[in-house]
Amino acid sequence: WLSEKFNLENSTIKIRSNYLKQFLQWYKETSNYQELQTLKPYDVESFFIKATSQWGKSYKRSLQGTLRSFFDFCHQRGHTSHNLHSSLPVIKTYRLGEVPKKIDDNEAIRLLESLNRLTDSGKRTYAIVQSLYTYGVRGCQLRALKLSDIDWHKDQIHFPAVKGGKSCSFPLTAEVGNALVDYLHTRKKCGYQQVFLTLRAPFSPLKKSRTLSQ
């Protein structure tokens, strides 16, 4: 339903499933398997307050969004007589309340210059950071980048669409191109087409965001 209605990626749906499991486990323990028709707004609010009492706004928003979609689904399919969407507490957010931190160009250049490019790990890290700095793409787009996405003859690099977004192409700059060539000479040969792989066998793509972050 989430895939068809909202065009969500499987990875996002999996994350929402994990949030939903918490609610379903609570409902299982407190309802004796009664039908969802018996669920009251007070029950939803009580669960949400208890489940998020020790978590920050990011967690609260994720759980809130998951449950709202779930209650929309339940109401449309007739599992509940009323849409409990509005039963969830409002999470107050303020404009510019969480301005993202960033580093300026001088600091970014200092970071690039500080990387040890004599090791396999350093060459991979330099290629990753240089690509992120040059094109401003998301980490998941860089993890999904394949060898065929780099057109050396036309000096172009293509980043695939992720999370329902659009794909994008850019000129392949000399800085990024040289960094990729330097890294690709050390990249282990394997059946995967993703550009960036793990450094230890069995060699595989960087499947998780925290792997790239590290």
N, C-alpha and C. Protein backbone atom coordinates (compact mmCIF):
# COMPACT_ATOMS: atom_id res chain seq x y z
N TRP A 1 0.84 -1.19 0.00
CA TRP A 1 0.00 0.00 0.00
C TRP A 1 0.88 1.25 0.00
N LEU A 2 1.94 1.25 0.82
CA LEU A 2 2.85 2.39 0.85
C LEU A 2 3.60 2.54 -0.47
N SER A 3 3.93 1.42 -1.06
CA SER A 3 4.65 1.46 -2.33
C SER A 3 3.77 2.01 -3.44
N GLU A 4 2.52 1.59 -3.49
CA GLU A 4 1.63 2.01 -4.57
C GLU A 4 1.13 3.45 -4.37
N LYS A 5 0.82 3.81 -3.14
CA LYS A 5 0.21 5.11 -2.88
C LYS A 5 1.24 6.24 -2.79
N PHE A 6 2.38 5.94 -2.15
CA PHE A 6 3.37 6.99 -1.92
C PHE A 6 4.67 6.78 -2.68
N ASN A 7 4.74 5.68 -3.43
CA ASN A 7 5.94 5.38 -4.22
C ASN A 7 7.19 5.31 -3.34
N LEU A 8 7.05 4.73 -2.14
CA LEU A 8 8.18 4.62 -1.22
C LEU A 8 9.09 3.46 -1.62
N GLU A 9 10.38 3.65 -1.39
CA GLU A 9 11.35 2.60 -1.67
C GLU A 9 11.22 1.49 -0.63
N ASN A 10 11.67 0.29 -0.99
CA ASN A 10 11.61 -0.85 -0.07
C ASN A 10 12.39 -0.59 1.20
N SER A 11 13.52 0.13 1.11
CA SER A 11 14.31 0.41 2.29
C SER A 11 13.54 1.29 3.27
N THR A 12 12.79 2.27 2.76
CA THR A 12 11.99 3.14 3.62
C THR A 12 10.83 2.36 4.24
N ILE A 13 10.21 1.50 3.44
CA ILE A 13 9.10 0.69 3.95
C ILE A 13 9.59 -0.24 5.05
N LYS A 14 10.79 -0.76 4.91
CA LYS A 14 11.34 -1.64 5.93
C LYS A 14 11.53 -0.89 7.24
N ILE A 15 12.01 0.34 7.15
CA ILE A 15 12.19 1.15 8.36
C ILE A 15 10.85 1.42 9.03
N ARG A 16 9.85 1.75 8.22
CA ARG A 16 8.52 2.00 8.79
C ARG A 16 7.94 0.73 9.41
N SER A 17 8.24 -0.40 8.81
CA SER A 17 7.75 -1.67 9.36
C SER A 17 8.30 -1.89 10.77
N ASN A 18 9.55 -1.53 10.97
CA ASN A 18 10.15 -1.70 12.29
C ASN A 18 9.48 -0.80 13.32
N TYR A 19 9.13 0.42 12.92
CA TYR A 19 8.40 1.31 13.83
C TYR A 19 7.01 0.75 14.13
N LEU A 20 6.36 0.23 13.10
CA LEU A 20 5.00 -0.28 13.26
C LEU A 20 4.97 -1.51 14.17
N LYS A 21 6.02 -2.31 14.12
CA LYS A 21 6.08 -3.50 14.97
C LYS A 21 5.97 -3.15 16.44
N GLN A 22 6.52 -2.01 16.83
CA GLN A 22 6.45 -1.58 18.22
C GLN A 22 5.00 -1.35 18.64
N PHE A 23 4.26 -0.68 17.76
CA PHE A 23 2.85 -0.43 18.07
C PHE A 23 2.05 -1.74 18.10
N LEU A 24 2.29 -2.60 17.13
CA LEU A 24 1.53 -3.86 17.07
C LEU A 24 1.86 -4.76 18.27
N GLN A 25 3.12 -4.74 18.73
CA GLN A 25 3.48 -5.51 19.90
C GLN A 25 2.75 -4.99 21.13
N TRP A 26 2.71 -3.65 21.25
CA TRP A 26 1.99 -3.05 22.37
C TRP A 26 0.49 -3.40 22.30
N TYR A 27 -0.08 -3.34 21.10
CA TYR A 27 -1.51 -3.63 20.94
C TYR A 27 -1.81 -5.09 21.25
N LYS A 28 -0.89 -5.95 20.86
CA LYS A 28 -1.06 -7.37 21.15
C LYS A 28 -1.08 -7.62 22.65
N GLU A 29 -0.23 -6.93 23.38
CA GLU A 29 -0.11 -7.15 24.83
C GLU A 29 -1.23 -6.51 25.63
N THR A 30 -1.85 -5.48 25.07
CA THR A 30 -2.85 -4.73 25.84
C THR A 30 -4.29 -4.98 25.41
N SER A 31 -4.49 -5.65 24.28
CA SER A 31 -5.84 -5.76 23.73
C SER A 31 -6.39 -7.17 23.74
N ASN A 32 -5.53 -8.15 24.06
CA ASN A 32 -5.97 -9.56 23.99
C ASN A 32 -6.52 -9.90 22.60
N TYR A 33 -5.84 -9.40 21.58
CA TYR A 33 -6.17 -9.68 20.18
C TYR A 33 -7.56 -9.18 19.77
N GLN A 34 -8.08 -8.15 20.46
CA GLN A 34 -9.36 -7.58 20.03
C GLN A 34 -9.18 -6.87 18.70
N GLU A 35 -10.27 -6.68 17.99
CA GLU A 35 -10.19 -6.04 16.69
C GLU A 35 -9.81 -4.57 16.84
N LEU A 36 -9.23 -4.04 15.78
CA LEU A 36 -8.81 -2.64 15.81
C LEU A 36 -10.00 -1.68 15.97
N GLN A 37 -11.21 -2.17 15.72
CA GLN A 37 -12.39 -1.32 15.87
C GLN A 37 -12.52 -0.81 17.31
N THR A 38 -11.96 -1.55 18.26
CA THR A 38 -12.08 -1.14 19.67
C THR A 38 -11.04 -0.11 20.08
N LEU A 39 -10.12 0.19 19.21
CA LEU A 39 -9.04 1.12 19.53
C LEU A 39 -9.59 2.54 19.64
N LYS A 40 -9.21 3.24 20.72
CA LYS A 40 -9.70 4.59 20.97
C LYS A 40 -8.56 5.60 20.80
N PRO A 41 -8.92 6.86 20.50
CA PRO A 41 -7.90 7.90 20.38
C PRO A 41 -7.02 8.01 21.63
N TYR A 42 -7.63 7.83 22.79
CA TYR A 42 -6.86 7.90 24.04
C TYR A 42 -5.78 6.82 24.08
N ASP A 43 -6.12 5.63 23.56
CA ASP A 43 -5.15 4.52 23.54
C ASP A 43 -3.95 4.88 22.67
N VAL A 44 -4.23 5.45 21.51
CA VAL A 44 -3.16 5.82 20.59
C VAL A 44 -2.26 6.87 21.21
N GLU A 45 -2.87 7.89 21.80
CA GLU A 45 -2.10 8.97 22.42
C GLU A 45 -1.25 8.45 23.57
N SER A 46 -1.82 7.57 24.38
CA SER A 46 -1.10 7.01 25.53
C SER A 46 0.10 6.20 25.07
N PHE A 47 -0.10 5.38 24.04
CA PHE A 47 1.02 4.59 23.52
C PHE A 47 2.12 5.50 23.01
N PHE A 48 1.75 6.52 22.24
CA PHE A 48 2.75 7.38 21.62
C PHE A 48 3.58 8.11 22.68
N ILE A 49 2.92 8.63 23.69
CA ILE A 49 3.64 9.36 24.74
C ILE A 49 4.59 8.44 25.49
N LYS A 50 4.14 7.24 25.78
CA LYS A 50 4.98 6.28 26.50
C LYS A 50 6.15 5.80 25.63
N ALA A 51 5.87 5.54 24.37
CA ALA A 51 6.90 4.98 23.48
C ALA A 51 7.99 5.99 23.13
N THR A 52 7.67 7.28 23.21
CA THR A 52 8.64 8.31 22.79
C THR A 52 9.17 9.13 23.96
N SER A 53 8.87 8.72 25.18
CA SER A 53 9.23 9.52 26.36
C SER A 53 10.73 9.75 26.49
N GLN A 54 11.54 8.80 25.98
CA GLN A 54 12.98 8.92 26.14
C GLN A 54 13.70 9.14 24.81
N TRP A 55 12.95 9.57 23.79
CA TRP A 55 13.54 9.75 22.47
C TRP A 55 13.41 11.19 22.01
N GLY A 56 14.22 11.57 21.01
CA GLY A 56 14.22 12.92 20.49
C GLY A 56 13.17 13.13 19.40
N LYS A 57 13.19 14.34 18.81
CA LYS A 57 12.18 14.72 17.83
C LYS A 57 12.25 13.87 16.57
N SER A 58 13.44 13.49 16.17
CA SER A 58 13.58 12.70 14.94
C SER A 58 12.85 11.38 15.08
N TYR A 59 13.04 10.70 16.20
CA TYR A 59 12.36 9.43 16.45
C TYR A 59 10.85 9.64 16.52
N LYS A 60 10.43 10.70 17.21
CA LYS A 60 9.01 10.97 17.36
C LYS A 60 8.35 11.21 16.01
N ARG A 61 9.01 11.99 15.16
CA ARG A 61 8.44 12.27 13.85
C ARG A 61 8.34 11.01 12.99
N SER A 62 9.35 10.15 13.09
CA SER A 62 9.33 8.92 12.31
C SER A 62 8.20 8.01 12.75
N LEU A 63 8.03 7.87 14.06
CA LEU A 63 6.94 7.03 14.59
C LEU A 63 5.59 7.65 14.27
N GLN A 64 5.51 8.96 14.37
CA GLN A 64 4.26 9.64 14.06
C GLN A 64 3.86 9.44 12.61
N GLY A 65 4.82 9.62 11.70
CA GLY A 65 4.53 9.45 10.28
C GLY A 65 4.11 8.03 9.95
N THR A 66 4.77 7.05 10.59
CA THR A 66 4.43 5.65 10.37
C THR A 66 3.01 5.35 10.80
N LEU A 67 2.66 5.80 12.01
CA LEU A 67 1.32 5.50 12.54
C LEU A 67 0.23 6.24 11.77
N ARG A 68 0.51 7.45 11.33
CA ARG A 68 -0.49 8.16 10.54
C ARG A 68 -0.80 7.42 9.24
N SER A 69 0.23 6.95 8.57
CA SER A 69 0.01 6.17 7.34
C SER A 69 -0.75 4.89 7.65
N PHE A 70 -0.40 4.25 8.77
CA PHE A 70 -1.04 3.00 9.15
C PHE A 70 -2.53 3.22 9.43
N PHE A 71 -2.87 4.30 10.13
CA PHE A 71 -4.28 4.56 10.45
C PHE A 71 -5.06 4.98 9.21
N ASP A 72 -4.41 5.67 8.28
CA ASP A 72 -5.06 5.96 7.00
C ASP A 72 -5.40 4.67 6.26
N PHE A 73 -4.44 3.75 6.26
CA PHE A 73 -4.64 2.46 5.61
C PHE A 73 -5.79 1.69 6.27
N CYS A 74 -5.77 1.64 7.61
CA CYS A 74 -6.80 0.88 8.34
C CYS A 74 -8.19 1.45 8.07
N HIS A 75 -8.31 2.77 8.04
CA HIS A 75 -9.62 3.38 7.81
C HIS A 75 -10.11 3.13 6.39
N GLN A 76 -9.21 3.24 5.41
CA GLN A 76 -9.60 3.00 4.01
C GLN A 76 -10.01 1.56 3.78
N ARG A 77 -9.38 0.64 4.50
CA ARG A 77 -9.70 -0.78 4.32
C ARG A 77 -10.83 -1.25 5.24
N GLY A 78 -11.36 -0.35 6.07
CA GLY A 78 -12.50 -0.71 6.92
C GLY A 78 -12.13 -1.43 8.20
N HIS A 79 -10.86 -1.41 8.58
CA HIS A 79 -10.46 -2.07 9.83
C HIS A 79 -10.80 -1.22 11.05
N THR A 80 -10.99 0.09 10.84
CA THR A 80 -11.40 0.99 11.92
C THR A 80 -12.56 1.84 11.42
N SER A 81 -13.51 2.14 12.32
CA SER A 81 -14.67 2.94 11.92
C SER A 81 -14.33 4.41 11.81
N HIS A 82 -13.30 4.86 12.54
CA HIS A 82 -12.87 6.25 12.49
C HIS A 82 -11.38 6.27 12.18
N ASN A 83 -10.97 7.32 11.48
CA ASN A 83 -9.54 7.47 11.18
C ASN A 83 -8.85 8.06 12.42
N LEU A 84 -7.94 7.28 12.98
CA LEU A 84 -7.24 7.69 14.19
C LEU A 84 -6.00 8.53 13.88
N HIS A 85 -5.91 8.97 12.64
CA HIS A 85 -4.77 9.77 12.17
C HIS A 85 -4.51 10.97 13.09
N SER A 86 -5.59 11.67 13.47
CA SER A 86 -5.45 12.90 14.26
C SER A 86 -5.30 12.65 15.75
N SER A 87 -5.28 11.38 16.16
CA SER A 87 -5.15 11.06 17.58
C SER A 87 -3.72 11.25 18.08
N LEU A 88 -2.79 11.29 17.15
CA LEU A 88 -1.38 11.41 17.53
C LEU A 88 -1.06 12.84 17.94
N PRO A 89 -0.29 13.02 19.00
CA PRO A 89 0.06 14.37 19.47
C PRO A 89 0.82 15.15 18.40
N VAL A 90 0.64 16.44 18.42
CA VAL A 90 1.35 17.32 17.50
C VAL A 90 2.78 17.52 18.00
N ILE A 91 3.74 17.39 17.11
CA ILE A 91 5.14 17.63 17.46
C ILE A 91 5.49 19.02 16.98
N LYS A 92 5.73 19.92 17.89
CA LYS A 92 6.00 21.30 17.53
C LYS A 92 7.41 21.44 16.96
N THR A 93 7.48 22.09 15.83
CA THR A 93 8.78 22.40 15.23
C THR A 93 8.80 23.89 14.92
N TYR A 94 9.96 24.48 14.98
CA TYR A 94 10.09 25.91 14.78
C TYR A 94 10.99 26.19 13.58
N ARG A 95 10.61 27.19 12.81
CA ARG A 95 11.36 27.54 11.62
C ARG A 95 12.81 27.86 11.99
N LEU A 96 13.74 27.23 11.29
CA LEU A 96 15.17 27.40 11.52
C LEU A 96 15.59 26.90 12.90
N GLY A 97 14.71 26.10 13.54
CA GLY A 97 15.05 25.58 14.87
C GLY A 97 16.15 24.55 14.83
N GLU A 98 16.29 23.88 13.69
CA GLU A 98 17.33 22.87 13.55
C GLU A 98 18.10 23.13 12.25
N VAL A 99 18.75 24.27 12.19
CA VAL A 99 19.53 24.60 11.00
C VAL A 99 20.67 23.60 10.86
N PRO A 100 20.77 22.92 9.73
CA PRO A 100 21.82 21.90 9.58
C PRO A 100 23.21 22.53 9.63
N LYS A 101 24.11 21.83 10.29
CA LYS A 101 25.49 22.31 10.36
C LYS A 101 26.23 21.90 9.09
N LYS A 102 27.19 22.71 8.73
CA LYS A 102 28.00 22.40 7.55
C LYS A 102 29.39 23.00 7.76
N ILE A 103 30.30 22.57 6.90
CA ILE A 103 31.62 23.18 6.91
C ILE A 103 31.78 24.03 5.67
N ASP A 104 32.57 25.11 5.76
CA ASP A 104 32.73 25.98 4.61
C ASP A 104 33.75 25.40 3.64
N ASP A 105 33.95 26.08 2.52
CA ASP A 105 34.83 25.58 1.47
C ASP A 105 36.26 25.38 1.96
N ASN A 106 36.75 26.35 2.73
CA ASN A 106 38.12 26.24 3.22
C ASN A 106 38.30 25.00 4.10
N GLU A 107 37.33 24.74 4.95
CA GLU A 107 37.40 23.56 5.82
C GLU A 107 37.27 22.28 5.01
N ALA A 108 36.43 22.31 3.97
CA ALA A 108 36.26 21.13 3.13
C ALA A 108 37.57 20.81 2.40
N ILE A 109 38.23 21.85 1.90
CA ILE A 109 39.51 21.64 1.22
C ILE A 109 40.56 21.12 2.19
N ARG A 110 40.57 21.66 3.39
CA ARG A 110 41.51 21.17 4.42
C ARG A 110 41.26 19.70 4.72
N LEU A 111 39.98 19.33 4.75
CA LEU A 111 39.63 17.93 4.99
C LEU A 111 40.17 17.05 3.88
N LEU A 112 39.96 17.45 2.63
CA LEU A 112 40.44 16.67 1.50
C LEU A 112 41.96 16.55 1.52
N GLU A 113 42.64 17.64 1.84
CA GLU A 113 44.10 17.63 1.86
C GLU A 113 44.66 16.80 3.01
N SER A 114 43.86 16.58 4.04
CA SER A 114 44.34 15.84 5.20
C SER A 114 44.28 14.32 5.02
N LEU A 115 43.58 13.86 3.99
CA LEU A 115 43.40 12.42 3.80
C LEU A 115 44.68 11.77 3.26
N ASN A 116 44.99 10.61 3.81
CA ASN A 116 46.17 9.86 3.38
C ASN A 116 45.83 9.07 2.12
N ARG A 117 46.34 9.51 0.98
CA ARG A 117 45.99 8.89 -0.30
C ARG A 117 47.00 7.83 -0.72
N LEU A 118 47.85 7.41 0.20
CA LEU A 118 48.84 6.38 -0.12
C LEU A 118 48.31 4.98 0.15
N THR A 119 47.21 4.86 0.90
CA THR A 119 46.63 3.56 1.23
C THR A 119 45.38 3.31 0.41
N ASP A 120 44.97 2.05 0.31
CA ASP A 120 43.74 1.71 -0.41
C ASP A 120 42.54 2.38 0.25
N SER A 121 42.54 2.36 1.59
CA SER A 121 41.44 2.98 2.32
C SER A 121 41.40 4.48 2.07
N GLY A 122 42.57 5.12 2.09
CA GLY A 122 42.62 6.55 1.87
C GLY A 122 42.20 6.96 0.47
N LYS A 123 42.54 6.16 -0.51
CA LYS A 123 42.15 6.46 -1.89
C LYS A 123 40.64 6.35 -2.05
N ARG A 124 40.06 5.35 -1.42
CA ARG A 124 38.60 5.21 -1.48
C ARG A 124 37.92 6.37 -0.76
N THR A 125 38.42 6.71 0.44
CA THR A 125 37.84 7.80 1.20
C THR A 125 37.93 9.12 0.44
N TYR A 126 39.09 9.36 -0.17
CA TYR A 126 39.28 10.61 -0.92
C TYR A 126 38.30 10.69 -2.09
N ALA A 127 38.12 9.59 -2.81
CA ALA A 127 37.18 9.58 -3.94
C ALA A 127 35.75 9.84 -3.47
N ILE A 128 35.39 9.28 -2.31
CA ILE A 128 34.05 9.47 -1.76
C ILE A 128 33.84 10.93 -1.36
N VAL A 129 34.77 11.46 -0.57
CA VAL A 129 34.63 12.83 -0.07
C VAL A 129 34.69 13.84 -1.21
N GLN A 130 35.58 13.62 -2.17
CA GLN A 130 35.68 14.53 -3.31
C GLN A 130 34.40 14.53 -4.12
N SER A 131 33.78 13.38 -4.29
CA SER A 131 32.52 13.29 -5.03
C SER A 131 31.38 14.00 -4.29
N LEU A 132 31.31 13.77 -2.98
CA LEU A 132 30.27 14.43 -2.18
C LEU A 132 30.46 15.94 -2.19
N TYR A 133 31.70 16.37 -2.05
CA TYR A 133 32.00 17.80 -2.01
C TYR A 133 31.71 18.47 -3.35
N THR A 134 32.04 17.80 -4.44
CA THR A 134 31.88 18.39 -5.77
C THR A 134 30.43 18.46 -6.22
N TYR A 135 29.67 17.37 -5.99
CA TYR A 135 28.33 17.29 -6.57
C TYR A 135 27.20 17.47 -5.56
N GLY A 136 27.49 17.35 -4.26
CA GLY A 136 26.44 17.54 -3.27
C GLY A 136 25.34 16.51 -3.32
N VAL A 137 25.65 15.31 -3.80
CA VAL A 137 24.63 14.25 -3.87
C VAL A 137 24.47 13.58 -2.51
N ARG A 138 23.44 12.80 -2.38
CA ARG A 138 23.19 12.08 -1.13
C ARG A 138 24.11 10.87 -1.06
N GLY A 139 24.37 10.45 0.18
CA GLY A 139 25.22 9.29 0.38
C GLY A 139 24.68 8.05 -0.28
N CYS A 140 23.35 7.88 -0.26
CA CYS A 140 22.76 6.69 -0.87
C CYS A 140 22.93 6.69 -2.39
N GLN A 141 22.99 7.88 -3.00
CA GLN A 141 23.25 7.94 -4.44
C GLN A 141 24.68 7.52 -4.75
N LEU A 142 25.60 7.89 -3.87
CA LEU A 142 26.99 7.51 -4.08
C LEU A 142 27.18 6.02 -3.86
N ARG A 143 26.46 5.45 -2.90
CA ARG A 143 26.56 4.01 -2.65
C ARG A 143 25.99 3.22 -3.82
N ALA A 144 25.01 3.80 -4.51
CA ALA A 144 24.36 3.11 -5.64
C ALA A 144 25.10 3.32 -6.96
N LEU A 145 26.08 4.21 -6.98
CA LEU A 145 26.82 4.52 -8.21
C LEU A 145 27.49 3.26 -8.77
N LYS A 146 27.29 3.03 -10.08
CA LYS A 146 27.87 1.85 -10.73
C LYS A 146 28.96 2.27 -11.72
N LEU A 147 29.77 1.30 -12.08
CA LEU A 147 30.85 1.56 -13.03
C LEU A 147 30.31 2.10 -14.35
N SER A 148 29.15 1.60 -14.76
CA SER A 148 28.56 2.03 -16.03
C SER A 148 27.99 3.44 -15.96
N ASP A 149 27.89 4.01 -14.74
CA ASP A 149 27.37 5.37 -14.58
C ASP A 149 28.44 6.42 -14.87
N ILE A 150 29.67 5.98 -15.04
CA ILE A 150 30.77 6.91 -15.34
C ILE A 150 31.10 6.79 -16.84
N ASP A 151 30.84 7.87 -17.57
CA ASP A 151 31.11 7.91 -19.00
C ASP A 151 32.44 8.64 -19.20
N TRP A 152 33.51 7.86 -19.33
CA TRP A 152 34.83 8.47 -19.44
C TRP A 152 35.02 9.17 -20.78
N HIS A 153 34.36 8.70 -21.82
CA HIS A 153 34.53 9.29 -23.15
C HIS A 153 33.85 10.66 -23.24
N LYS A 154 32.69 10.79 -22.58
CA LYS A 154 31.96 12.07 -22.62
C LYS A 154 32.22 12.93 -21.39
N ASP A 155 33.07 12.43 -20.49
CA ASP A 155 33.37 13.17 -19.26
C ASP A 155 32.09 13.53 -18.50
N GLN A 156 31.28 12.50 -18.25
CA GLN A 156 30.04 12.70 -17.49
C GLN A 156 29.91 11.62 -16.43
N ILE A 157 29.21 11.96 -15.35
CA ILE A 157 28.92 11.00 -14.29
C ILE A 157 27.43 11.07 -14.00
N HIS A 158 26.81 9.93 -13.86
CA HIS A 158 25.36 9.83 -13.71
C HIS A 158 25.05 9.21 -12.34
N PHE A 159 24.24 9.90 -11.54
CA PHE A 159 23.84 9.38 -10.24
C PHE A 159 22.40 8.91 -10.32
N PRO A 160 22.12 7.66 -9.94
CA PRO A 160 20.78 7.10 -10.07
C PRO A 160 19.79 7.73 -9.09
N ALA A 161 18.52 7.61 -9.43
CA ALA A 161 17.47 8.11 -8.55
C ALA A 161 17.33 7.21 -7.33
N VAL A 162 17.09 7.81 -6.18
CA VAL A 162 16.86 7.06 -4.95
C VAL A 162 15.71 7.69 -4.17
N LYS A 163 15.03 6.86 -3.39
CA LYS A 163 13.95 7.32 -2.52
C LYS A 163 12.91 8.17 -3.26
N GLY A 164 12.57 7.74 -4.47
CA GLY A 164 11.54 8.42 -5.22
C GLY A 164 11.99 9.71 -5.88
N GLY A 165 13.27 10.05 -5.78
CA GLY A 165 13.77 11.27 -6.39
C GLY A 165 14.10 11.07 -7.86
N LYS A 166 14.85 12.02 -8.41
CA LYS A 166 15.21 11.97 -9.83
C LYS A 166 16.70 11.68 -9.99
N SER A 167 17.03 11.03 -11.08
CA SER A 167 18.44 10.82 -11.39
C SER A 167 19.05 12.14 -11.86
N CYS A 168 20.37 12.23 -11.81
CA CYS A 168 21.01 13.47 -12.23
C CYS A 168 22.38 13.16 -12.85
N SER A 169 22.76 13.99 -13.81
CA SER A 169 24.04 13.84 -14.49
C SER A 169 24.83 15.12 -14.37
N PHE A 170 26.16 14.98 -14.24
CA PHE A 170 27.03 16.13 -14.11
C PHE A 170 28.28 15.94 -14.97
N PRO A 171 28.95 17.03 -15.30
CA PRO A 171 30.25 16.90 -15.95
C PRO A 171 31.23 16.22 -14.99
N LEU A 172 32.03 15.34 -15.50
CA LEU A 172 33.03 14.66 -14.67
C LEU A 172 34.24 15.57 -14.55
N THR A 173 34.42 16.18 -13.40
CA THR A 173 35.53 17.11 -13.21
C THR A 173 36.84 16.36 -13.14
N ALA A 174 37.92 17.08 -13.39
CA ALA A 174 39.25 16.45 -13.34
C ALA A 174 39.55 15.95 -11.94
N GLU A 175 39.13 16.71 -10.92
CA GLU A 175 39.41 16.31 -9.53
C GLU A 175 38.72 14.99 -9.19
N VAL A 176 37.44 14.88 -9.54
CA VAL A 176 36.71 13.65 -9.25
C VAL A 176 37.21 12.52 -10.13
N GLY A 177 37.43 12.80 -11.41
CA GLY A 177 37.89 11.76 -12.32
C GLY A 177 39.22 11.17 -11.88
N ASN A 178 40.16 12.02 -11.50
CA ASN A 178 41.47 11.54 -11.06
C ASN A 178 41.35 10.75 -9.76
N ALA A 179 40.48 11.22 -8.87
CA ALA A 179 40.29 10.51 -7.60
C ALA A 179 39.69 9.13 -7.83
N LEU A 180 38.75 9.04 -8.76
CA LEU A 180 38.12 7.75 -9.07
C LEU A 180 39.11 6.80 -9.73
N VAL A 181 39.90 7.31 -10.66
CA VAL A 181 40.90 6.47 -11.32
C VAL A 181 41.89 5.93 -10.31
N ASP A 182 42.34 6.78 -9.41
CA ASP A 182 43.30 6.38 -8.39
C ASP A 182 42.72 5.27 -7.51
N TYR A 183 41.43 5.43 -7.17
CA TYR A 183 40.78 4.40 -6.34
C TYR A 183 40.51 3.12 -7.12
N LEU A 184 40.04 3.25 -8.36
CA LEU A 184 39.67 2.08 -9.15
C LEU A 184 40.85 1.16 -9.43
N HIS A 185 42.06 1.72 -9.43
CA HIS A 185 43.25 0.88 -9.62
C HIS A 185 43.46 -0.07 -8.44
N THR A 186 42.88 0.28 -7.28
CA THR A 186 43.02 -0.57 -6.08
C THR A 186 41.75 -1.36 -5.80
N ARG A 187 40.67 -1.06 -6.51
CA ARG A 187 39.39 -1.74 -6.27
C ARG A 187 39.50 -3.21 -6.64
N LYS A 188 39.03 -4.07 -5.75
CA LYS A 188 39.10 -5.51 -5.99
C LYS A 188 38.10 -5.93 -7.06
N LYS A 189 38.50 -6.87 -7.88
CA LYS A 189 37.61 -7.38 -8.92
C LYS A 189 36.60 -8.33 -8.30
N CYS A 190 35.34 -8.12 -8.63
CA CYS A 190 34.27 -9.00 -8.13
C CYS A 190 33.07 -8.85 -9.04
N GLY A 191 32.00 -9.56 -8.72
CA GLY A 191 30.82 -9.54 -9.57
C GLY A 191 29.94 -8.33 -9.41
N TYR A 192 30.19 -7.49 -8.41
CA TYR A 192 29.37 -6.31 -8.17
C TYR A 192 29.79 -5.17 -9.09
N GLN A 193 28.82 -4.40 -9.53
CA GLN A 193 29.08 -3.28 -10.43
C GLN A 193 29.16 -1.93 -9.69
N GLN A 194 28.80 -1.92 -8.40
CA GLN A 194 28.89 -0.68 -7.65
C GLN A 194 30.35 -0.21 -7.59
N VAL A 195 30.56 1.08 -7.68
CA VAL A 195 31.91 1.62 -7.70
C VAL A 195 32.61 1.40 -6.36
N PHE A 196 31.93 1.73 -5.28
CA PHE A 196 32.56 1.68 -3.97
C PHE A 196 32.22 0.37 -3.24
N LEU A 197 33.28 -0.35 -2.89
CA LEU A 197 33.14 -1.65 -2.24
C LEU A 197 33.84 -1.64 -0.88
N THR A 198 33.53 -2.67 -0.09
CA THR A 198 34.24 -2.85 1.17
C THR A 198 35.70 -3.18 0.88
N LEU A 199 36.55 -2.99 1.87
CA LEU A 199 37.99 -3.21 1.67
C LEU A 199 38.43 -4.61 2.06
N ARG A 200 37.54 -5.34 2.73
CA ARG A 200 37.88 -6.69 3.16
C ARG A 200 36.96 -7.71 2.50
N ALA A 201 37.52 -8.88 2.25
CA ALA A 201 36.73 -9.97 1.65
C ALA A 201 35.71 -10.48 2.66
N PRO A 202 34.53 -10.92 2.19
CA PRO A 202 34.09 -10.90 0.79
C PRO A 202 33.72 -9.48 0.36
N PHE A 203 34.27 -9.04 -0.76
CA PHE A 203 34.08 -7.67 -1.21
C PHE A 203 32.64 -7.46 -1.69
N SER A 204 32.01 -6.40 -1.21
CA SER A 204 30.60 -6.15 -1.53
C SER A 204 30.34 -4.65 -1.47
N PRO A 205 29.20 -4.20 -2.02
CA PRO A 205 28.87 -2.76 -1.99
C PRO A 205 28.65 -2.27 -0.56
N LEU A 206 28.70 -0.97 -0.39
CA LEU A 206 28.43 -0.35 0.91
C LEU A 206 26.92 -0.28 1.08
N LYS A 207 26.34 -1.31 1.68
CA LYS A 207 24.88 -1.46 1.69
C LYS A 207 24.20 -0.53 2.69
N LYS A 208 24.88 -0.15 3.75
CA LYS A 208 24.25 0.65 4.79
C LYS A 208 24.85 2.06 4.84
N SER A 209 24.03 3.02 5.21
CA SER A 209 24.47 4.42 5.22
C SER A 209 25.59 4.62 6.24
N ARG A 210 25.52 3.90 7.35
CA ARG A 210 26.56 4.11 8.38
C ARG A 210 27.93 3.63 7.90
N THR A 211 27.95 2.69 6.97
CA THR A 211 29.23 2.23 6.42
C THR A 211 29.91 3.36 5.66
N LEU A 212 29.14 4.08 4.87
CA LEU A 212 29.68 5.23 4.14
C LEU A 212 30.06 6.34 5.12
N SER A 213 29.23 6.57 6.12
CA SER A 213 29.51 7.63 7.10
C SER A 213 30.81 7.38 7.84
N GLN A 214 31.03 6.13 8.22
CA GLN A 214 32.27 5.80 8.92
C GLN A 214 33.49 6.05 8.03
